[in-house]
Amino acid sequence: MSLLTILLAGFGVWLLVEGALCALAPDFMRDLAARVSSLPQRELIVAGLIVAGIGGVMLTLAVRTA
């Protein structure tokens, strides 16, 4: 399995989950967007780095086990 295949599959799953959340719980998504937009910039940067790090580890594990 190529890296491109894994990236496309991961992106597809991300879009599937986000689309389902928007369709099934639009008020929750609006509230979440409002909360994220009200976060201080530093906290948003730290949260983004943590999530990106977790995603990088998950992608590395997926590539090594494929």
C-alpha atoms as a PDB file:
ATOM      1  CA  MET A   1       0.000   0.000   0.000  1.00  0.00           C
ATOM      2  CA  SER A   2       1.511   3.309  -1.062  1.00  0.00           C
ATOM      3  CA  LEU A   3       1.760   6.438   1.035  1.00  0.00           C
ATOM      4  CA  LEU A   4      -0.565   8.227  -1.387  1.00  0.00           C
ATOM      5  CA  THR A   5      -3.218   5.554  -0.887  1.00  0.00           C
ATOM      6  CA  ILE A   6      -2.964   5.890   2.874  1.00  0.00           C
ATOM      7  CA  LEU A   7      -3.159   9.689   2.708  1.00  0.00           C
ATOM      8  CA  LEU A   8      -6.179   9.591   0.421  1.00  0.00           C
ATOM      9  CA  ALA A   9      -7.904   7.057   2.664  1.00  0.00           C
ATOM     10  CA  GLY A  10      -7.184   9.157   5.745  1.00  0.00           C
ATOM     11  CA  PHE A  11      -8.437  12.321   4.067  1.00  0.00           C
ATOM     12  CA  GLY A  12     -11.564  10.500   2.934  1.00  0.00           C
ATOM     13  CA  VAL A  13     -12.284   9.278   6.454  1.00  0.00           C
ATOM     14  CA  TRP A  14     -11.750  12.797   7.807  1.00  0.00           C
ATOM     15  CA  LEU A  15     -14.242  14.224   5.285  1.00  0.00           C
ATOM     16  CA  LEU A  16     -16.706  11.425   6.024  1.00  0.00           C
ATOM     17  CA  VAL A  17     -16.636  12.061   9.769  1.00  0.00           C
ATOM     18  CA  GLU A  18     -16.797  15.836   9.445  1.00  0.00           C
ATOM     19  CA  GLY A  19     -19.620  15.665   6.907  1.00  0.00           C
ATOM     20  CA  ALA A  20     -21.581  13.236   9.063  1.00  0.00           C
ATOM     21  CA  LEU A  21     -21.164  15.490  12.106  1.00  0.00           C
ATOM     22  CA  CYS A  22     -22.356  18.521  10.129  1.00  0.00           C
ATOM     23  CA  ALA A  23     -25.368  16.589   8.845  1.00  0.00           C
ATOM     24  CA  LEU A  24     -26.311  14.883  12.117  1.00  0.00           C
ATOM     25  CA  ALA A  25     -25.401  17.574  14.664  1.00  0.00           C
ATOM     26  CA  PRO A  26     -25.271  21.016  13.008  1.00  0.00           C
ATOM     27  CA  ASP A  27     -25.822  22.902  16.281  1.00  0.00           C
ATOM     28  CA  PHE A  28     -22.897  21.057  17.896  1.00  0.00           C
ATOM     29  CA  MET A  29     -20.653  21.964  14.959  1.00  0.00           C
ATOM     30  CA  ARG A  30     -21.683  25.647  15.129  1.00  0.00           C
ATOM     31  CA  ASP A  31     -20.980  25.673  18.868  1.00  0.00           C
ATOM     32  CA  LEU A  32     -17.634  23.975  18.337  1.00  0.00           C
ATOM     33  CA  ALA A  33     -16.662  26.506  15.653  1.00  0.00           C
ATOM     34  CA  ALA A  34     -17.617  29.376  17.972  1.00  0.00           C
ATOM     35  CA  ARG A  35     -15.540  27.903  20.800  1.00  0.00           C
ATOM     36  CA  VAL A  36     -12.527  27.392  18.562  1.00  0.00           C
ATOM     37  CA  SER A  37     -12.750  30.931  17.194  1.00  0.00           C
ATOM     38  CA  SER A  38     -12.829  32.348  20.733  1.00  0.00           C
ATOM     39  CA  LEU A  39      -9.685  30.490  21.855  1.00  0.00           C
ATOM     40  CA  PRO A  40      -6.570  32.587  22.400  1.00  0.00           C
ATOM     41  CA  GLN A  41      -4.072  32.212  19.571  1.00  0.00           C
ATOM     42  CA  ARG A  42      -1.441  30.523  21.741  1.00  0.00           C
ATOM     43  CA  GLU A  43      -3.847  27.813  22.933  1.00  0.00           C
ATOM     44  CA  LEU A  44      -5.016  27.178  19.381  1.00  0.00           C
ATOM     45  CA  ILE A  45      -1.400  26.821  18.199  1.00  0.00           C
ATOM     46  CA  VAL A  46      -0.566  24.375  21.006  1.00  0.00           C
ATOM     47  CA  ALA A  47      -3.711  22.335  20.333  1.00  0.00           C
ATOM     48  CA  GLY A  48      -2.901  22.268  16.613  1.00  0.00           C
ATOM     49  CA  LEU A  49       0.651  21.087  17.255  1.00  0.00           C
ATOM     50  CA  ILE A  50      -0.567  18.336  19.601  1.00  0.00           C
ATOM     51  CA  VAL A  51      -3.170  17.098  17.122  1.00  0.00           C
ATOM     52  CA  ALA A  52      -0.674  17.276  14.241  1.00  0.00           C
ATOM     53  CA  GLY A  53       1.815  15.275  16.304  1.00  0.00           C
ATOM     54  CA  ILE A  54      -0.777  12.606  17.076  1.00  0.00           C
ATOM     55  CA  GLY A  55      -1.726  12.478  13.400  1.00  0.00           C
ATOM     56  CA  GLY A  56       1.915  12.124  12.399  1.00  0.00           C
ATOM     57  CA  VAL A  57       2.407   9.226  14.793  1.00  0.00           C
ATOM     58  CA  MET A  58      -0.768   7.544  13.534  1.00  0.00           C
ATOM     59  CA  LEU A  59       0.307   7.978   9.913  1.00  0.00           C
ATOM     60  CA  THR A  60       3.780   6.617  10.672  1.00  0.00           C
ATOM     61  CA  LEU A  61       2.271   3.567  12.351  1.00  0.00           C
ATOM     62  CA  ALA A  62      -0.122   3.032   9.450  1.00  0.00           C
ATOM     63  CA  VAL A  63       2.697   3.224   6.881  1.00  0.00           C
ATOM     64  CA  ARG A  64       5.002   0.894   8.815  1.00  0.00           C
ATOM     65  CA  THR A  65       2.327  -1.744   9.342  1.00  0.00           C
ATOM     66  CA  ALA A  66       1.014  -1.618   5.762  1.00  0.00           C
END
